[in-house]
């Protein structure tokens, strides 16, 4: 039976399949969108699909030169009452069963928006609630999604790459340049974990901090560690963390800090130093260069649009390894009826 690490290692092949089949999979969407004036794009989703939406914002804006927003699906339902003319709403749900995403698409249609459902299968509930369907070419038979996140992002980007006038070969080269280092990042993380696992596996209070282009990695990475380690894990944007969160840090806190190359990096390093000295927290910087001997370092490519992919891989692998060392079974069916009980999934079209 495959584990998360196996799926992570399959990511380059999975993304290539998405790219190779994109023209065929995008036919209906291109036909639906082409010729229509689109002024704004809303990406509505929950969970890992919401993290994928965050990663789509900058690339789509660059391709289409229009504003793009990622919105939690239920937030769109409850609090989005005004949308701009000519808005396109894309509901992302890898399994195609998210009740909140379905409700968001229904509301978007009522508001006169163009609607598109993005899922791994066509014959799933979400597709009946949108005007067009975009297939995510991926198979992933495990609860915590890994390669599905990357494939969701690339499936959506390939659609807009086809609709734009940009150089597709250049874009695909940039995408694969980052995606192809994921297995090596995963292997390096596994090696590093062996030297730090006695420290890492003892915490039940974990915080991931990120900034600018790595915020999607912090969002999804925290979710992945929570799903696997099954303890209290949350994420904060760097500046937001400084507005009160630091008061709740003590020796029981593990901080995983994403230190991508940015004007914020020195500030992140200073924060970690403060938390260690004044709060007795255990901190790890994940970056190109170590600041302390225990930090994680890797020669990340750091493409401006896809840097989040690289840093997320580290957090995905850490989640997988920590869950094994803590005896968590990701195939445990104890909560298998949760979504039915809470009506957060829809099971019939």
Protein backbone atom coordinates (compact mmCIF):
# COMPACT_ATOMS: atom_id res chain seq x y z
CA UNK A 1 0.00 0.00 0.00
CA UNK A 2 1.38 3.41 -0.98
CA UNK A 3 2.11 6.09 1.59
CA UNK A 4 2.34 9.86 1.20
CA UNK A 5 6.04 9.71 0.41
CA UNK A 6 5.31 7.45 -2.57
CA UNK A 7 2.79 9.91 -3.95
CA UNK A 8 5.20 12.83 -3.44
CA UNK A 9 7.87 10.97 -5.42
CA UNK A 10 5.36 10.42 -8.24
CA UNK A 11 4.69 14.16 -8.60
CA UNK A 12 6.95 14.87 -11.63
CA UNK A 13 5.34 12.07 -13.67
CA UNK A 14 1.87 13.10 -12.54
CA UNK A 15 2.42 16.74 -13.53
CA UNK A 16 3.77 15.69 -16.92
CA UNK A 17 0.59 13.70 -17.50
CA UNK A 18 -1.48 16.78 -16.62
CA UNK A 19 0.48 18.85 -19.14
CA UNK A 20 0.37 16.18 -21.87
CA UNK A 21 -3.40 15.73 -21.57
CA UNK A 22 -4.24 19.38 -20.96
CA UNK A 23 -5.25 20.26 -24.51
CA UNK A 24 -7.72 17.36 -24.61
CA UNK A 25 -8.99 18.00 -21.06
CA UNK A 26 -9.37 21.74 -21.68
CA UNK A 27 -11.44 21.53 -24.86
CA UNK A 28 -14.83 22.18 -23.24
CA UNK A 29 -13.49 24.94 -20.99
CA UNK A 30 -11.71 26.74 -23.81
CA UNK A 31 -14.85 26.57 -25.93
CA UNK A 32 -16.91 27.90 -23.00
CA UNK A 33 -14.57 30.77 -22.06
CA UNK A 34 -13.11 31.81 -25.43
CA UNK A 35 -14.66 34.97 -26.78
CA UNK A 36 -16.15 35.94 -23.43
CA UNK A 37 -14.84 38.99 -21.62
CA UNK A 38 -13.52 38.06 -18.19
CA UNK A 39 -12.74 40.90 -15.80
CA UNK A 40 -12.05 39.02 -12.54
CA UNK A 41 -11.49 35.42 -11.48
CA UNK A 42 -12.58 33.90 -8.16
CA UNK A 43 -11.11 30.55 -7.10
CA UNK A 44 -13.40 29.02 -4.48
CA UNK A 45 -12.41 25.92 -2.55
CA UNK A 46 -11.71 24.33 0.83
CA UNK A 47 -8.82 22.39 2.34
CA UNK A 48 -5.99 21.41 0.02
CA UNK A 49 -7.94 22.76 -2.95
CA UNK A 50 -7.97 26.19 -1.29
CA UNK A 51 -4.18 26.00 -0.91
CA UNK A 52 -3.97 25.16 -4.61
CA UNK A 53 -6.12 28.21 -5.33
CA UNK A 54 -3.65 30.41 -3.46
CA UNK A 55 -0.81 29.06 -5.61
CA UNK A 56 -2.74 29.88 -8.78
CA UNK A 57 -3.20 33.60 -8.09
CA UNK A 58 0.10 35.08 -9.26
CA UNK A 59 0.60 32.84 -12.34
CA UNK A 60 -2.96 33.46 -13.59
CA UNK A 61 -2.65 37.19 -13.01
CA UNK A 62 0.57 37.18 -14.99
CA UNK A 63 -1.03 35.21 -17.83
CA UNK A 64 -4.36 37.06 -18.00
CA UNK A 65 -3.51 40.50 -16.60
CA UNK A 66 -6.68 40.60 -14.51
CA UNK A 67 -7.30 40.34 -10.74
CA UNK A 68 -7.55 36.84 -9.27
CA UNK A 69 -8.89 36.03 -5.80
CA UNK A 70 -8.78 32.85 -3.71
CA UNK A 71 -11.77 32.64 -1.39
CA UNK A 72 -12.85 29.94 1.04
CA UNK A 73 -15.94 28.43 -0.54
CA UNK A 74 -18.25 29.01 2.43
CA UNK A 75 -16.87 32.52 2.88
CA UNK A 76 -17.93 33.19 -0.72
CA UNK A 77 -21.40 31.82 0.06
CA UNK A 78 -21.87 33.78 3.28
CA UNK A 79 -20.10 37.07 2.68
CA UNK A 80 -19.55 37.73 -1.03
CA UNK A 81 -22.58 39.74 -2.06
CA UNK A 82 -21.08 41.88 -4.80
CA UNK A 83 -18.97 40.61 -7.67
CA UNK A 84 -17.62 42.57 -10.60
CA UNK A 85 -19.19 42.29 -14.03
CA UNK A 86 -17.77 39.52 -16.22
CA UNK A 87 -16.52 37.45 -13.28
CA UNK A 88 -15.46 33.83 -13.67
CA UNK A 89 -15.87 31.60 -10.60
CA UNK A 90 -13.88 28.36 -10.53
CA UNK A 91 -14.87 25.79 -7.91
CA UNK A 92 -12.00 23.44 -7.09
CA UNK A 93 -12.67 20.08 -5.43
CA UNK A 94 -10.31 17.19 -6.17
CA UNK A 95 -12.82 14.58 -4.97
CA UNK A 96 -15.73 16.58 -6.42
CA UNK A 97 -17.88 16.23 -3.30
CA UNK A 98 -17.30 19.43 -1.32
CA UNK A 99 -20.66 20.79 -0.17
CA UNK A 100 -19.30 24.30 0.37
CA UNK A 101 -17.78 24.45 -3.12
CA UNK A 102 -21.08 23.29 -4.62
CA UNK A 103 -22.93 25.99 -2.71
CA UNK A 104 -20.40 28.61 -3.86
CA UNK A 105 -20.91 27.63 -7.51
CA UNK A 106 -24.69 27.77 -7.09
CA UNK A 107 -24.43 31.27 -5.65
CA UNK A 108 -22.06 32.35 -8.42
CA UNK A 109 -24.56 31.21 -11.05
CA UNK A 110 -27.35 33.10 -9.26
CA UNK A 111 -25.16 36.22 -9.40
CA UNK A 112 -24.71 35.85 -13.15
CA UNK A 113 -21.08 34.70 -13.09
CA UNK A 114 -19.42 32.32 -15.48
CA UNK A 115 -18.80 29.05 -13.61
CA UNK A 116 -16.33 26.22 -13.97
CA UNK A 117 -15.91 23.08 -11.83
CA UNK A 118 -12.43 21.61 -11.42
CA UNK A 119 -12.20 18.00 -10.22
CA UNK A 120 -10.39 14.71 -10.77
CA UNK A 121 -13.53 13.04 -12.11
CA UNK A 122 -16.36 14.27 -14.30
CA UNK A 123 -19.10 12.08 -12.85
CA UNK A 124 -19.06 13.68 -9.39
CA UNK A 125 -21.54 16.02 -7.66
CA UNK A 126 -19.69 19.31 -8.15
CA UNK A 127 -19.74 19.16 -11.95
CA UNK A 128 -23.53 19.41 -12.08
CA UNK A 129 -23.33 22.86 -10.48
CA UNK A 130 -21.12 24.61 -13.04
CA UNK A 131 -21.43 25.51 -16.71
CA UNK A 132 -18.16 23.81 -17.67
CA UNK A 133 -15.77 21.18 -16.32
CA UNK A 134 -11.98 21.11 -16.02
CA UNK A 135 -10.42 17.72 -15.28
CA UNK A 136 -7.53 17.35 -12.83
CA UNK A 137 -5.58 14.43 -14.27
CA UNK A 138 -4.59 12.66 -11.03
CA UNK A 139 -5.21 9.51 -9.00
CA UNK A 140 -4.44 9.59 -5.29
CA UNK A 141 -5.96 6.96 -3.02
CA UNK A 142 -5.10 8.42 0.38
CA UNK A 143 -6.67 10.98 2.73
CA UNK A 144 -3.96 13.67 2.96
CA UNK A 145 -3.45 14.87 -0.63
CA UNK A 146 0.06 15.67 -1.92
CA UNK A 147 0.53 15.28 -5.67
CA UNK A 148 -3.12 16.25 -6.10
CA UNK A 149 -2.23 19.73 -4.88
CA UNK A 150 0.42 20.19 -7.57
CA UNK A 151 -1.76 18.64 -10.28
CA UNK A 152 -4.68 20.92 -9.37
CA UNK A 153 -2.51 24.01 -9.74
CA UNK A 154 -0.99 22.90 -13.04
CA UNK A 155 -4.33 21.80 -14.53
CA UNK A 156 -5.75 25.29 -13.92
CA UNK A 157 -2.62 27.06 -15.15
CA UNK A 158 -2.57 25.01 -18.36
CA UNK A 159 -6.09 26.19 -19.12
CA UNK A 160 -5.13 29.84 -18.82
CA UNK A 161 -1.86 29.27 -20.63
CA UNK A 162 -3.92 27.96 -23.54
CA UNK A 163 -6.22 31.00 -23.36
CA UNK A 164 -3.35 33.50 -23.16
CA UNK A 165 -0.82 34.55 -25.76
CA UNK A 166 2.22 33.67 -23.65
CA UNK A 167 4.98 31.30 -24.74
CA UNK A 168 3.72 27.90 -23.58
CA UNK A 169 7.09 26.17 -23.98
CA UNK A 170 8.74 28.74 -21.72
CA UNK A 171 6.07 28.32 -19.06
CA UNK A 172 6.19 24.52 -19.18
CA UNK A 173 9.98 24.64 -18.87
CA UNK A 174 9.66 26.81 -15.75
CA UNK A 175 7.05 24.52 -14.24
CA UNK A 176 9.01 21.31 -14.86
CA UNK A 177 12.25 22.93 -13.74
CA UNK A 178 10.73 23.26 -10.27
CA UNK A 179 8.63 20.09 -10.26
CA UNK A 180 11.61 17.90 -11.21
CA UNK A 181 13.54 18.78 -8.04
CA UNK A 182 10.72 17.61 -5.76
CA UNK A 183 12.03 14.01 -5.42
CA UNK A 184 15.49 15.28 -4.47
CA UNK A 185 14.03 17.72 -1.93
CA UNK A 186 12.02 14.82 -0.51
CA UNK A 187 15.10 12.60 -0.20
CA UNK A 188 17.11 15.42 1.41
CA UNK A 189 14.29 16.06 3.88
CA UNK A 190 14.20 12.39 4.78
CA UNK A 191 17.94 12.37 5.46
CA UNK A 192 17.73 15.55 7.54
CA UNK A 193 14.79 14.23 9.53
CA UNK A 194 16.82 11.26 10.75
CA UNK A 195 19.18 13.61 12.56
CA UNK A 196 16.36 15.65 14.13
CA UNK A 197 13.51 13.18 14.61
CA UNK A 198 13.90 12.72 18.37
CA UNK A 199 13.31 16.44 18.77
CA UNK A 200 10.64 16.80 16.09
CA UNK A 201 8.43 13.92 17.14
CA UNK A 202 7.88 15.10 20.72
CA UNK A 203 5.84 18.26 19.96
CA UNK A 204 2.06 18.50 19.94
CA UNK A 205 1.99 22.25 19.40
CA UNK A 206 3.39 23.15 15.96
CA UNK A 207 3.36 26.47 14.11
CA UNK A 208 4.38 27.05 10.49
CA UNK A 209 5.37 30.60 9.54
CA UNK A 210 5.71 31.85 5.98
CA UNK A 211 5.65 35.04 3.95
CA UNK A 212 5.05 36.45 0.46
CA UNK A 213 5.35 33.79 -2.26
CA UNK A 214 5.67 30.92 0.22
CA UNK A 215 2.45 31.65 2.09
CA UNK A 216 0.61 28.95 0.10
CA UNK A 217 3.28 26.47 1.22
CA UNK A 218 2.75 27.49 4.85
CA UNK A 219 -1.03 27.14 4.46
CA UNK A 220 -0.93 23.71 2.86
CA UNK A 221 2.09 22.50 4.82
CA UNK A 222 0.40 23.18 8.15
CA UNK A 223 -2.72 21.37 6.97
CA UNK A 224 -0.68 18.39 5.82
CA UNK A 225 1.18 18.08 9.13
CA UNK A 226 -2.10 18.41 11.03
CA UNK A 227 -3.77 15.70 8.93
CA UNK A 228 -0.84 13.32 9.39
CA UNK A 229 0.50 14.02 12.88
CA UNK A 230 -3.01 14.76 14.17
CA UNK A 231 -2.16 17.37 16.75
CA UNK A 232 -2.50 21.15 17.05
CA UNK A 233 -0.87 22.69 13.95
CA UNK A 234 -1.51 26.14 12.48
CA UNK A 235 0.12 28.63 10.17
CA UNK A 236 0.73 32.37 10.23
CA UNK A 237 2.02 34.95 7.84
CA UNK A 238 5.20 36.42 9.31
CA UNK A 239 3.89 39.92 10.03
CA UNK A 240 0.61 38.57 11.37
CA UNK A 241 2.54 36.37 13.80
CA UNK A 242 4.13 39.50 15.29
CA UNK A 243 0.73 40.99 16.10
CA UNK A 244 0.00 39.04 19.25
CA UNK A 245 0.76 35.41 18.40
CA UNK A 246 4.22 35.49 19.95
CA UNK A 247 2.63 35.89 23.40
CA UNK A 248 1.42 32.28 23.24
CA UNK A 249 4.82 30.71 22.48
CA UNK A 250 6.74 28.67 25.06
CA UNK A 251 9.02 25.65 25.38
CA UNK A 252 6.24 23.33 24.23
CA UNK A 253 6.09 25.05 20.82
CA UNK A 254 7.78 23.85 17.64
CA UNK A 255 8.26 26.55 14.98
CA UNK A 256 8.87 25.57 11.34
CA UNK A 257 9.83 28.73 9.45
CA UNK A 258 9.92 28.97 5.65
CA UNK A 259 12.85 31.18 4.69
CA UNK A 260 12.59 31.71 0.95
CA UNK A 261 14.86 34.39 -0.50
CA UNK A 262 13.02 37.63 0.11
CA UNK A 263 13.31 41.01 1.79
CA UNK A 264 11.59 39.32 4.75
CA UNK A 265 14.24 36.65 5.36
CA UNK A 266 16.41 38.63 7.79
CA UNK A 267 13.31 39.57 9.74
CA UNK A 268 12.33 35.90 9.97
CA UNK A 269 15.80 35.01 11.26
CA UNK A 270 15.58 37.73 13.90
CA UNK A 271 12.17 36.44 14.99
CA UNK A 272 13.44 32.89 15.41
CA UNK A 273 16.36 34.15 17.46
CA UNK A 274 13.99 36.05 19.72
CA UNK A 275 11.65 33.08 20.18
CA UNK A 276 14.52 30.80 21.14
CA UNK A 277 16.11 33.27 23.55
CA UNK A 278 13.03 34.76 25.19
CA UNK A 279 10.36 32.07 24.77
CA UNK A 280 12.45 28.88 24.90
CA UNK A 281 10.77 27.68 21.70
CA UNK A 282 12.33 25.06 19.43
CA UNK A 283 12.74 26.56 15.96
CA UNK A 284 13.87 25.31 12.56
CA UNK A 285 14.56 27.52 9.57
CA UNK A 286 13.91 25.90 6.18
CA UNK A 287 15.96 27.87 3.66
CA UNK A 288 18.84 27.87 1.20
CA UNK A 289 21.34 28.38 4.03
CA UNK A 290 21.43 27.34 7.66
CA UNK A 291 21.57 29.89 10.44
CA UNK A 292 22.00 27.24 13.15
CA UNK A 293 23.47 23.77 12.74
CA UNK A 294 20.07 22.12 13.13
CA UNK A 295 18.28 24.08 10.38
CA UNK A 296 17.25 22.52 7.06
CA UNK A 297 19.08 23.78 3.98
CA UNK A 298 18.68 23.01 0.28
CA UNK A 299 19.69 24.83 -2.94
CA UNK A 300 16.11 25.69 -3.87
CA UNK A 301 15.56 27.03 -7.39
CA UNK A 302 13.09 29.62 -6.09
CA UNK A 303 11.32 30.50 -9.31
CA UNK A 304 9.22 33.56 -8.50
CA UNK A 305 5.94 31.84 -9.46
CA UNK A 306 6.55 28.30 -8.22
CA UNK A 307 8.83 28.61 -5.17
CA UNK A 308 5.98 27.48 -2.93
CA UNK A 309 6.11 24.01 -4.53
CA UNK A 310 9.65 23.44 -3.27
CA UNK A 311 9.12 24.53 0.31
CA UNK A 312 5.83 22.66 0.59
CA UNK A 313 7.58 19.39 -0.28
CA UNK A 314 9.69 19.67 2.88
CA UNK A 315 6.59 20.06 5.06
CA UNK A 316 4.74 17.24 3.29
CA UNK A 317 7.61 14.83 3.90
CA UNK A 318 7.97 15.93 7.53
CA UNK A 319 4.29 15.22 8.08
CA UNK A 320 4.63 11.74 6.60
CA UNK A 321 7.72 10.88 8.65
CA UNK A 322 6.44 12.31 11.94
CA UNK A 323 3.15 10.45 11.62
CA UNK A 324 4.96 7.12 11.21
CA UNK A 325 7.14 7.77 14.25
CA UNK A 326 4.06 8.69 16.28
CA UNK A 327 2.18 5.56 15.24
CA UNK A 328 -0.54 7.31 13.24
CA UNK A 329 -2.25 5.14 10.61
CA UNK A 330 -3.35 7.31 7.69
CA UNK A 331 -5.61 4.53 6.46
CA UNK A 332 -7.46 4.31 9.78
CA UNK A 333 -11.21 4.45 9.06
CA UNK A 334 -12.28 5.75 12.49
CA UNK A 335 -13.53 9.03 10.99
CA UNK A 336 -14.80 7.61 7.70
CA UNK A 337 -18.36 8.82 8.36
CA UNK A 338 -17.39 12.34 9.43
CA UNK A 339 -18.30 14.10 6.17
CA UNK A 340 -21.60 12.27 5.90
CA UNK A 341 -22.44 13.15 9.51
CA UNK A 342 -21.51 16.82 9.05
CA UNK A 343 -22.94 17.00 5.51
CA UNK A 344 -19.68 18.57 4.33
CA UNK A 345 -19.57 16.15 1.37
CA UNK A 346 -22.31 15.51 -1.16
CA UNK A 347 -22.55 11.90 -2.31
CA UNK A 348 -25.07 12.10 -5.13
CA UNK A 349 -25.24 14.34 -8.19
